[in-house]
């Protein structure tokens, strides 16, 4: 796909596309939590957010990568697996700390949002340098 003449810098496009993926991730966790425990719900929601993220990052943030689609998907999954591990590792302790001052639902929602923000930072670096790199 050829480069498009986007008026917004890549970091802003990443924030918008990533914000959409993170929103899907965060909102889906509420539905998944209706029938599974917190950590599996976080992981399931992250998988849905990853699908949205791949589509939007590829189309709007990092268009024109010369890498083969199969390599992009492999690298995307690798970067997201590392990010998801970080999200899962930090979400539970943050939730546990927040439980001292808020209800379970609010603590889980807040912990998940904080963990997503941490994962998003890792994703920007990983996807820009590995997944959708312009270097062949």
N, C-alpha and C. Protein backbone atom coordinates (compact mmCIF):
# COMPACT_ATOMS: atom_id res chain seq x y z
N UNK A 1 0.85 -1.17 0.00
CA UNK A 1 0.00 0.00 0.00
C UNK A 1 0.89 1.24 0.00
N UNK A 2 0.68 2.16 -0.89
CA UNK A 2 1.52 3.36 -0.93
C UNK A 2 1.26 4.25 0.26
N UNK A 3 2.27 5.08 0.57
CA UNK A 3 2.11 6.05 1.65
C UNK A 3 0.99 7.02 1.33
N UNK A 4 0.24 7.37 2.32
CA UNK A 4 -0.79 8.39 2.17
C UNK A 4 -0.22 9.69 2.70
N UNK A 5 -0.74 10.78 2.22
CA UNK A 5 -0.31 12.09 2.70
C UNK A 5 -1.18 12.46 3.89
N UNK A 6 -0.81 11.99 5.07
CA UNK A 6 -1.58 12.25 6.29
C UNK A 6 -1.16 13.60 6.86
N UNK A 7 -2.11 14.33 7.37
CA UNK A 7 -1.80 15.64 7.93
C UNK A 7 -1.36 15.57 9.39
N UNK A 8 -1.66 14.46 10.07
CA UNK A 8 -1.29 14.31 11.48
C UNK A 8 0.02 13.52 11.58
N UNK A 9 0.86 13.88 12.54
CA UNK A 9 2.10 13.11 12.71
C UNK A 9 1.80 11.68 13.18
N UNK A 10 2.71 10.74 12.90
CA UNK A 10 2.49 9.34 13.27
C UNK A 10 2.16 9.13 14.75
N UNK A 11 2.79 9.91 15.63
CA UNK A 11 2.52 9.72 17.06
C UNK A 11 1.07 10.06 17.40
N UNK A 12 0.50 11.07 16.76
CA UNK A 12 -0.90 11.44 17.00
C UNK A 12 -1.82 10.39 16.39
N UNK A 13 -1.48 9.92 15.18
CA UNK A 13 -2.29 8.86 14.56
C UNK A 13 -2.24 7.60 15.42
N UNK A 14 -1.06 7.30 16.00
CA UNK A 14 -0.94 6.13 16.87
C UNK A 14 -1.85 6.31 18.10
N UNK A 15 -1.85 7.49 18.68
CA UNK A 15 -2.70 7.73 19.85
C UNK A 15 -4.18 7.57 19.51
N UNK A 16 -4.59 8.04 18.34
CA UNK A 16 -5.99 7.91 17.95
C UNK A 16 -6.35 6.45 17.67
N UNK A 17 -5.54 5.76 16.87
CA UNK A 17 -5.81 4.36 16.56
C UNK A 17 -5.67 3.50 17.81
N UNK A 18 -4.64 3.77 18.58
CA UNK A 18 -4.43 3.03 19.82
C UNK A 18 -5.52 3.32 20.83
N UNK A 19 -6.01 4.55 20.84
CA UNK A 19 -7.11 4.89 21.73
C UNK A 19 -8.37 4.11 21.38
N UNK A 20 -8.62 3.95 20.09
CA UNK A 20 -9.76 3.15 19.66
C UNK A 20 -9.58 1.70 20.11
N UNK A 21 -8.39 1.14 19.84
CA UNK A 21 -8.12 -0.25 20.24
C UNK A 21 -8.19 -0.41 21.75
N UNK A 22 -7.64 0.56 22.47
CA UNK A 22 -7.67 0.50 23.94
C UNK A 22 -9.10 0.61 24.46
N UNK A 23 -9.90 1.46 23.81
CA UNK A 23 -11.30 1.59 24.21
C UNK A 23 -12.07 0.29 24.01
N UNK A 24 -11.85 -0.36 22.87
CA UNK A 24 -12.47 -1.66 22.63
C UNK A 24 -12.00 -2.65 23.69
N UNK A 25 -10.70 -2.67 23.95
CA UNK A 25 -10.11 -3.55 24.96
C UNK A 25 -10.77 -3.31 26.32
N UNK A 26 -10.79 -2.07 26.75
CA UNK A 26 -11.30 -1.72 28.08
C UNK A 26 -12.79 -2.04 28.21
N UNK A 27 -13.58 -1.66 27.21
CA UNK A 27 -15.02 -1.90 27.29
C UNK A 27 -15.36 -3.39 27.19
N UNK A 28 -14.63 -4.12 26.36
CA UNK A 28 -14.89 -5.56 26.21
C UNK A 28 -14.65 -6.30 27.52
N UNK A 29 -13.71 -5.83 28.32
CA UNK A 29 -13.41 -6.51 29.59
C UNK A 29 -14.63 -6.53 30.50
N UNK A 30 -15.45 -5.49 30.46
CA UNK A 30 -16.67 -5.49 31.29
C UNK A 30 -17.58 -6.65 30.89
N UNK A 31 -17.75 -6.84 29.59
CA UNK A 31 -18.61 -7.93 29.13
C UNK A 31 -17.99 -9.29 29.46
N UNK A 32 -16.69 -9.45 29.20
CA UNK A 32 -16.02 -10.72 29.51
C UNK A 32 -16.07 -11.01 31.02
N UNK A 33 -16.03 -9.97 31.84
CA UNK A 33 -16.06 -10.16 33.29
C UNK A 33 -17.41 -10.68 33.78
N UNK A 34 -18.40 -10.63 32.94
CA UNK A 34 -19.71 -11.15 33.32
C UNK A 34 -19.69 -12.67 33.44
N UNK A 35 -18.74 -13.33 32.72
CA UNK A 35 -18.72 -14.79 32.74
C UNK A 35 -17.34 -15.40 32.94
N UNK A 36 -16.35 -14.58 33.28
CA UNK A 36 -15.03 -15.13 33.60
C UNK A 36 -14.33 -14.24 34.62
N UNK A 37 -13.33 -14.78 35.35
CA UNK A 37 -12.59 -13.98 36.34
C UNK A 37 -11.82 -12.83 35.69
N UNK A 38 -11.34 -11.93 36.53
CA UNK A 38 -10.69 -10.70 36.07
C UNK A 38 -9.53 -10.95 35.11
N UNK A 39 -8.56 -11.75 35.47
CA UNK A 39 -7.37 -11.92 34.61
C UNK A 39 -7.73 -12.54 33.26
N UNK A 40 -8.50 -13.62 33.19
CA UNK A 40 -8.89 -14.12 31.87
C UNK A 40 -9.70 -13.10 31.06
N UNK A 41 -10.52 -12.30 31.74
CA UNK A 41 -11.28 -11.26 31.05
C UNK A 41 -10.35 -10.20 30.48
N UNK A 42 -9.31 -9.84 31.23
CA UNK A 42 -8.31 -8.87 30.74
C UNK A 42 -7.63 -9.43 29.49
N UNK A 43 -7.26 -10.69 29.53
CA UNK A 43 -6.56 -11.30 28.40
C UNK A 43 -7.47 -11.41 27.18
N UNK A 44 -8.72 -11.84 27.37
CA UNK A 44 -9.66 -11.94 26.25
C UNK A 44 -9.93 -10.57 25.63
N UNK A 45 -10.11 -9.57 26.47
CA UNK A 45 -10.35 -8.21 25.97
C UNK A 45 -9.13 -7.69 25.22
N UNK A 46 -7.94 -8.02 25.70
CA UNK A 46 -6.71 -7.60 25.02
C UNK A 46 -6.63 -8.21 23.63
N UNK A 47 -7.05 -9.45 23.48
CA UNK A 47 -7.02 -10.10 22.16
C UNK A 47 -7.94 -9.37 21.18
N UNK A 48 -9.12 -8.99 21.64
CA UNK A 48 -10.04 -8.24 20.79
C UNK A 48 -9.44 -6.87 20.45
N UNK A 49 -8.85 -6.21 21.44
CA UNK A 49 -8.20 -4.92 21.20
C UNK A 49 -7.04 -5.05 20.22
N UNK A 50 -6.32 -6.18 20.27
CA UNK A 50 -5.20 -6.41 19.34
C UNK A 50 -5.69 -6.48 17.89
N UNK A 51 -6.81 -7.12 17.68
CA UNK A 51 -7.35 -7.22 16.33
C UNK A 51 -7.68 -5.83 15.79
N UNK A 52 -8.36 -5.04 16.58
CA UNK A 52 -8.68 -3.66 16.18
C UNK A 52 -7.39 -2.87 15.98
N UNK A 53 -6.42 -3.06 16.88
CA UNK A 53 -5.16 -2.35 16.78
C UNK A 53 -4.41 -2.68 15.50
N UNK A 54 -4.30 -3.94 15.16
CA UNK A 54 -3.56 -4.31 13.94
C UNK A 54 -4.17 -3.65 12.72
N UNK A 55 -5.48 -3.73 12.61
CA UNK A 55 -6.16 -3.16 11.44
C UNK A 55 -5.94 -1.65 11.36
N UNK A 56 -6.12 -0.95 12.47
CA UNK A 56 -6.01 0.51 12.44
C UNK A 56 -4.55 0.98 12.34
N UNK A 57 -3.63 0.30 13.03
CA UNK A 57 -2.22 0.70 12.92
C UNK A 57 -1.71 0.52 11.50
N UNK A 58 -2.03 -0.62 10.91
CA UNK A 58 -1.56 -0.91 9.55
C UNK A 58 -2.12 0.09 8.55
N UNK A 59 -3.39 0.42 8.68
CA UNK A 59 -4.03 1.31 7.71
C UNK A 59 -3.72 2.78 7.92
N UNK A 60 -3.65 3.23 9.17
CA UNK A 60 -3.60 4.67 9.44
C UNK A 60 -2.31 5.18 10.07
N UNK A 61 -1.56 4.31 10.74
CA UNK A 61 -0.39 4.79 11.46
C UNK A 61 0.90 4.45 10.73
N UNK A 62 1.01 3.21 10.28
CA UNK A 62 2.24 2.74 9.65
C UNK A 62 1.97 2.21 8.25
N UNK A 63 1.34 2.99 7.37
CA UNK A 63 1.07 2.48 6.03
C UNK A 63 2.37 2.39 5.22
N UNK A 64 2.37 1.51 4.25
CA UNK A 64 3.50 1.45 3.34
C UNK A 64 4.69 0.65 3.82
N UNK A 65 4.55 -0.15 4.85
CA UNK A 65 5.65 -0.98 5.29
C UNK A 65 5.97 -2.01 4.21
N UNK A 66 7.24 -2.18 3.86
CA UNK A 66 7.59 -3.16 2.83
C UNK A 66 7.61 -4.60 3.35
N UNK A 67 7.43 -4.78 4.65
CA UNK A 67 7.44 -6.13 5.22
C UNK A 67 6.23 -6.92 4.75
N UNK A 68 6.42 -8.21 4.57
CA UNK A 68 5.33 -9.09 4.18
C UNK A 68 4.27 -9.11 5.28
N UNK A 69 3.01 -9.28 4.87
CA UNK A 69 1.91 -9.30 5.83
C UNK A 69 2.13 -10.36 6.90
N UNK A 70 2.59 -11.53 6.50
CA UNK A 70 2.83 -12.61 7.47
C UNK A 70 3.85 -12.18 8.52
N UNK A 71 4.90 -11.49 8.11
CA UNK A 71 5.91 -11.00 9.06
C UNK A 71 5.34 -9.91 9.96
N UNK A 72 4.49 -9.05 9.40
CA UNK A 72 3.85 -8.02 10.21
C UNK A 72 2.97 -8.65 11.28
N UNK A 73 2.19 -9.64 10.89
CA UNK A 73 1.31 -10.31 11.86
C UNK A 73 2.12 -10.99 12.94
N UNK A 74 3.19 -11.69 12.55
CA UNK A 74 4.05 -12.37 13.52
C UNK A 74 4.64 -11.37 14.51
N UNK A 75 5.20 -10.28 13.98
CA UNK A 75 5.82 -9.28 14.84
C UNK A 75 4.79 -8.55 15.69
N UNK A 76 3.61 -8.31 15.13
CA UNK A 76 2.53 -7.67 15.89
C UNK A 76 2.16 -8.54 17.09
N UNK A 77 2.01 -9.84 16.85
CA UNK A 77 1.67 -10.75 17.94
C UNK A 77 2.77 -10.82 18.98
N UNK A 78 4.02 -10.80 18.54
CA UNK A 78 5.15 -10.82 19.48
C UNK A 78 5.15 -9.56 20.35
N UNK A 79 5.05 -8.40 19.73
CA UNK A 79 5.04 -7.14 20.48
C UNK A 79 3.85 -7.12 21.45
N UNK A 80 2.69 -7.54 20.97
CA UNK A 80 1.50 -7.52 21.82
C UNK A 80 1.56 -8.57 22.92
N UNK A 81 2.20 -9.70 22.67
CA UNK A 81 2.35 -10.71 23.72
C UNK A 81 3.19 -10.14 24.86
N UNK A 82 4.27 -9.44 24.50
CA UNK A 82 5.11 -8.82 25.53
C UNK A 82 4.33 -7.72 26.28
N UNK A 83 3.59 -6.94 25.53
CA UNK A 83 2.78 -5.89 26.14
C UNK A 83 1.70 -6.49 27.03
N UNK A 84 1.05 -7.54 26.55
CA UNK A 84 -0.01 -8.19 27.33
C UNK A 84 0.56 -8.77 28.62
N UNK A 85 1.75 -9.34 28.55
CA UNK A 85 2.37 -9.87 29.77
C UNK A 85 2.56 -8.75 30.79
N UNK A 86 3.01 -7.59 30.32
CA UNK A 86 3.18 -6.44 31.22
C UNK A 86 1.83 -5.99 31.79
N UNK A 87 0.81 -5.94 30.93
CA UNK A 87 -0.53 -5.54 31.38
C UNK A 87 -1.03 -6.50 32.46
N UNK A 88 -0.89 -7.80 32.18
CA UNK A 88 -1.37 -8.80 33.15
C UNK A 88 -0.59 -8.73 34.46
N UNK A 89 0.71 -8.48 34.37
CA UNK A 89 1.55 -8.44 35.57
C UNK A 89 1.20 -7.24 36.44
N UNK A 90 0.89 -6.09 35.83
CA UNK A 90 0.62 -4.90 36.64
C UNK A 90 -0.84 -4.72 37.02
N UNK A 91 -1.77 -5.31 36.26
CA UNK A 91 -3.19 -5.09 36.53
C UNK A 91 -3.62 -5.63 37.90
N UNK A 92 -3.18 -6.82 38.24
CA UNK A 92 -3.61 -7.45 39.50
C UNK A 92 -3.08 -6.68 40.72
N UNK A 93 -1.79 -6.36 40.78
CA UNK A 93 -1.33 -5.61 41.96
C UNK A 93 -1.96 -4.22 42.08
N UNK A 94 -2.16 -3.56 40.94
CA UNK A 94 -2.81 -2.24 40.99
C UNK A 94 -4.24 -2.40 41.51
N UNK A 95 -4.96 -3.40 41.00
CA UNK A 95 -6.32 -3.66 41.47
C UNK A 95 -6.32 -3.90 42.98
N UNK A 96 -5.38 -4.71 43.45
CA UNK A 96 -5.34 -5.04 44.87
C UNK A 96 -5.08 -3.82 45.74
N UNK A 97 -4.23 -2.93 45.28
CA UNK A 97 -3.96 -1.69 46.02
C UNK A 97 -5.21 -0.81 46.03
N UNK A 98 -5.86 -0.69 44.87
CA UNK A 98 -7.04 0.17 44.77
C UNK A 98 -8.23 -0.35 45.56
N UNK A 99 -8.27 -1.65 45.81
CA UNK A 99 -9.39 -2.23 46.58
C UNK A 99 -9.47 -1.65 47.99
N UNK A 100 -8.36 -1.10 48.47
CA UNK A 100 -8.36 -0.50 49.80
C UNK A 100 -9.20 0.78 49.85
N UNK A 101 -9.41 1.41 48.68
CA UNK A 101 -10.10 2.70 48.68
C UNK A 101 -11.31 2.77 47.76
N UNK A 102 -11.61 1.68 47.03
CA UNK A 102 -12.76 1.72 46.12
C UNK A 102 -13.37 0.34 45.96
N UNK A 103 -14.53 0.30 45.37
CA UNK A 103 -15.24 -0.97 45.16
C UNK A 103 -14.48 -1.84 44.17
N UNK A 104 -14.82 -3.12 44.15
CA UNK A 104 -14.17 -4.08 43.25
C UNK A 104 -14.34 -3.66 41.78
N UNK A 105 -15.54 -3.30 41.38
CA UNK A 105 -15.78 -2.91 39.98
C UNK A 105 -14.95 -1.71 39.57
N UNK A 106 -14.92 -0.69 40.40
CA UNK A 106 -14.15 0.52 40.09
C UNK A 106 -12.66 0.23 40.13
N UNK A 107 -12.22 -0.56 41.10
CA UNK A 107 -10.79 -0.91 41.20
C UNK A 107 -10.34 -1.69 39.97
N UNK A 108 -11.17 -2.63 39.52
CA UNK A 108 -10.79 -3.42 38.34
C UNK A 108 -10.78 -2.56 37.08
N UNK A 109 -11.77 -1.69 36.93
CA UNK A 109 -11.82 -0.81 35.76
C UNK A 109 -10.62 0.14 35.73
N UNK A 110 -10.28 0.70 36.88
CA UNK A 110 -9.16 1.63 36.97
C UNK A 110 -7.83 0.92 36.75
N UNK A 111 -7.66 -0.24 37.38
CA UNK A 111 -6.42 -1.00 37.22
C UNK A 111 -6.22 -1.42 35.77
N UNK A 112 -7.29 -1.84 35.13
CA UNK A 112 -7.21 -2.25 33.73
C UNK A 112 -6.84 -1.06 32.86
N UNK A 113 -7.42 0.10 33.09
CA UNK A 113 -7.11 1.29 32.30
C UNK A 113 -5.65 1.70 32.47
N UNK A 114 -5.15 1.67 33.69
CA UNK A 114 -3.74 2.02 33.95
C UNK A 114 -2.83 1.02 33.25
N UNK A 115 -3.15 -0.26 33.33
CA UNK A 115 -2.33 -1.29 32.70
C UNK A 115 -2.34 -1.14 31.18
N UNK A 116 -3.49 -0.79 30.60
CA UNK A 116 -3.57 -0.57 29.15
C UNK A 116 -2.66 0.59 28.75
N UNK A 117 -2.64 1.65 29.52
CA UNK A 117 -1.79 2.81 29.21
C UNK A 117 -0.31 2.42 29.21
N UNK A 118 0.08 1.59 30.16
CA UNK A 118 1.47 1.12 30.20
C UNK A 118 1.77 0.28 28.96
N UNK A 119 0.85 -0.62 28.63
CA UNK A 119 1.04 -1.46 27.44
C UNK A 119 1.08 -0.65 26.16
N UNK A 120 0.30 0.42 26.08
CA UNK A 120 0.28 1.25 24.88
C UNK A 120 1.64 1.89 24.61
N UNK A 121 2.33 2.30 25.65
CA UNK A 121 3.67 2.88 25.48
C UNK A 121 4.62 1.85 24.88
N UNK A 122 4.56 0.64 25.39
CA UNK A 122 5.40 -0.44 24.85
C UNK A 122 5.03 -0.74 23.40
N UNK A 123 3.74 -0.72 23.10
CA UNK A 123 3.29 -0.99 21.73
C UNK A 123 3.81 0.03 20.74
N UNK A 124 3.78 1.30 21.09
CA UNK A 124 4.23 2.32 20.15
C UNK A 124 5.68 2.08 19.76
N UNK A 125 6.50 1.80 20.72
CA UNK A 125 7.91 1.55 20.45
C UNK A 125 8.08 0.27 19.63
N UNK A 126 7.43 -0.80 20.06
CA UNK A 126 7.58 -2.08 19.38
C UNK A 126 7.03 -2.10 17.98
N UNK A 127 5.86 -1.51 17.78
CA UNK A 127 5.27 -1.53 16.44
C UNK A 127 6.00 -0.60 15.48
N UNK A 128 6.48 0.52 15.99
CA UNK A 128 7.21 1.44 15.11
C UNK A 128 8.57 0.92 14.70
N UNK A 129 9.21 0.18 15.59
CA UNK A 129 10.56 -0.30 15.28
C UNK A 129 10.61 -1.73 14.74
N UNK A 130 9.57 -2.52 15.01
CA UNK A 130 9.61 -3.92 14.59
C UNK A 130 8.46 -4.28 13.65
N UNK A 131 7.24 -4.18 14.10
CA UNK A 131 6.10 -4.70 13.34
C UNK A 131 5.95 -4.04 11.97
N UNK A 132 5.88 -2.72 11.96
CA UNK A 132 5.61 -2.00 10.71
C UNK A 132 6.82 -1.19 10.26
N UNK A 133 7.99 -1.65 10.59
CA UNK A 133 9.23 -0.97 10.22
C UNK A 133 9.29 -0.75 8.72
N UNK A 134 9.84 0.35 8.33
CA UNK A 134 10.00 0.64 6.90
C UNK A 134 11.29 0.03 6.35
N UNK A 135 12.08 -0.55 7.24
CA UNK A 135 13.30 -1.21 6.80
C UNK A 135 12.94 -2.62 6.34
N UNK A 136 13.34 -2.99 5.12
CA UNK A 136 13.00 -4.33 4.63
C UNK A 136 13.67 -5.44 5.42
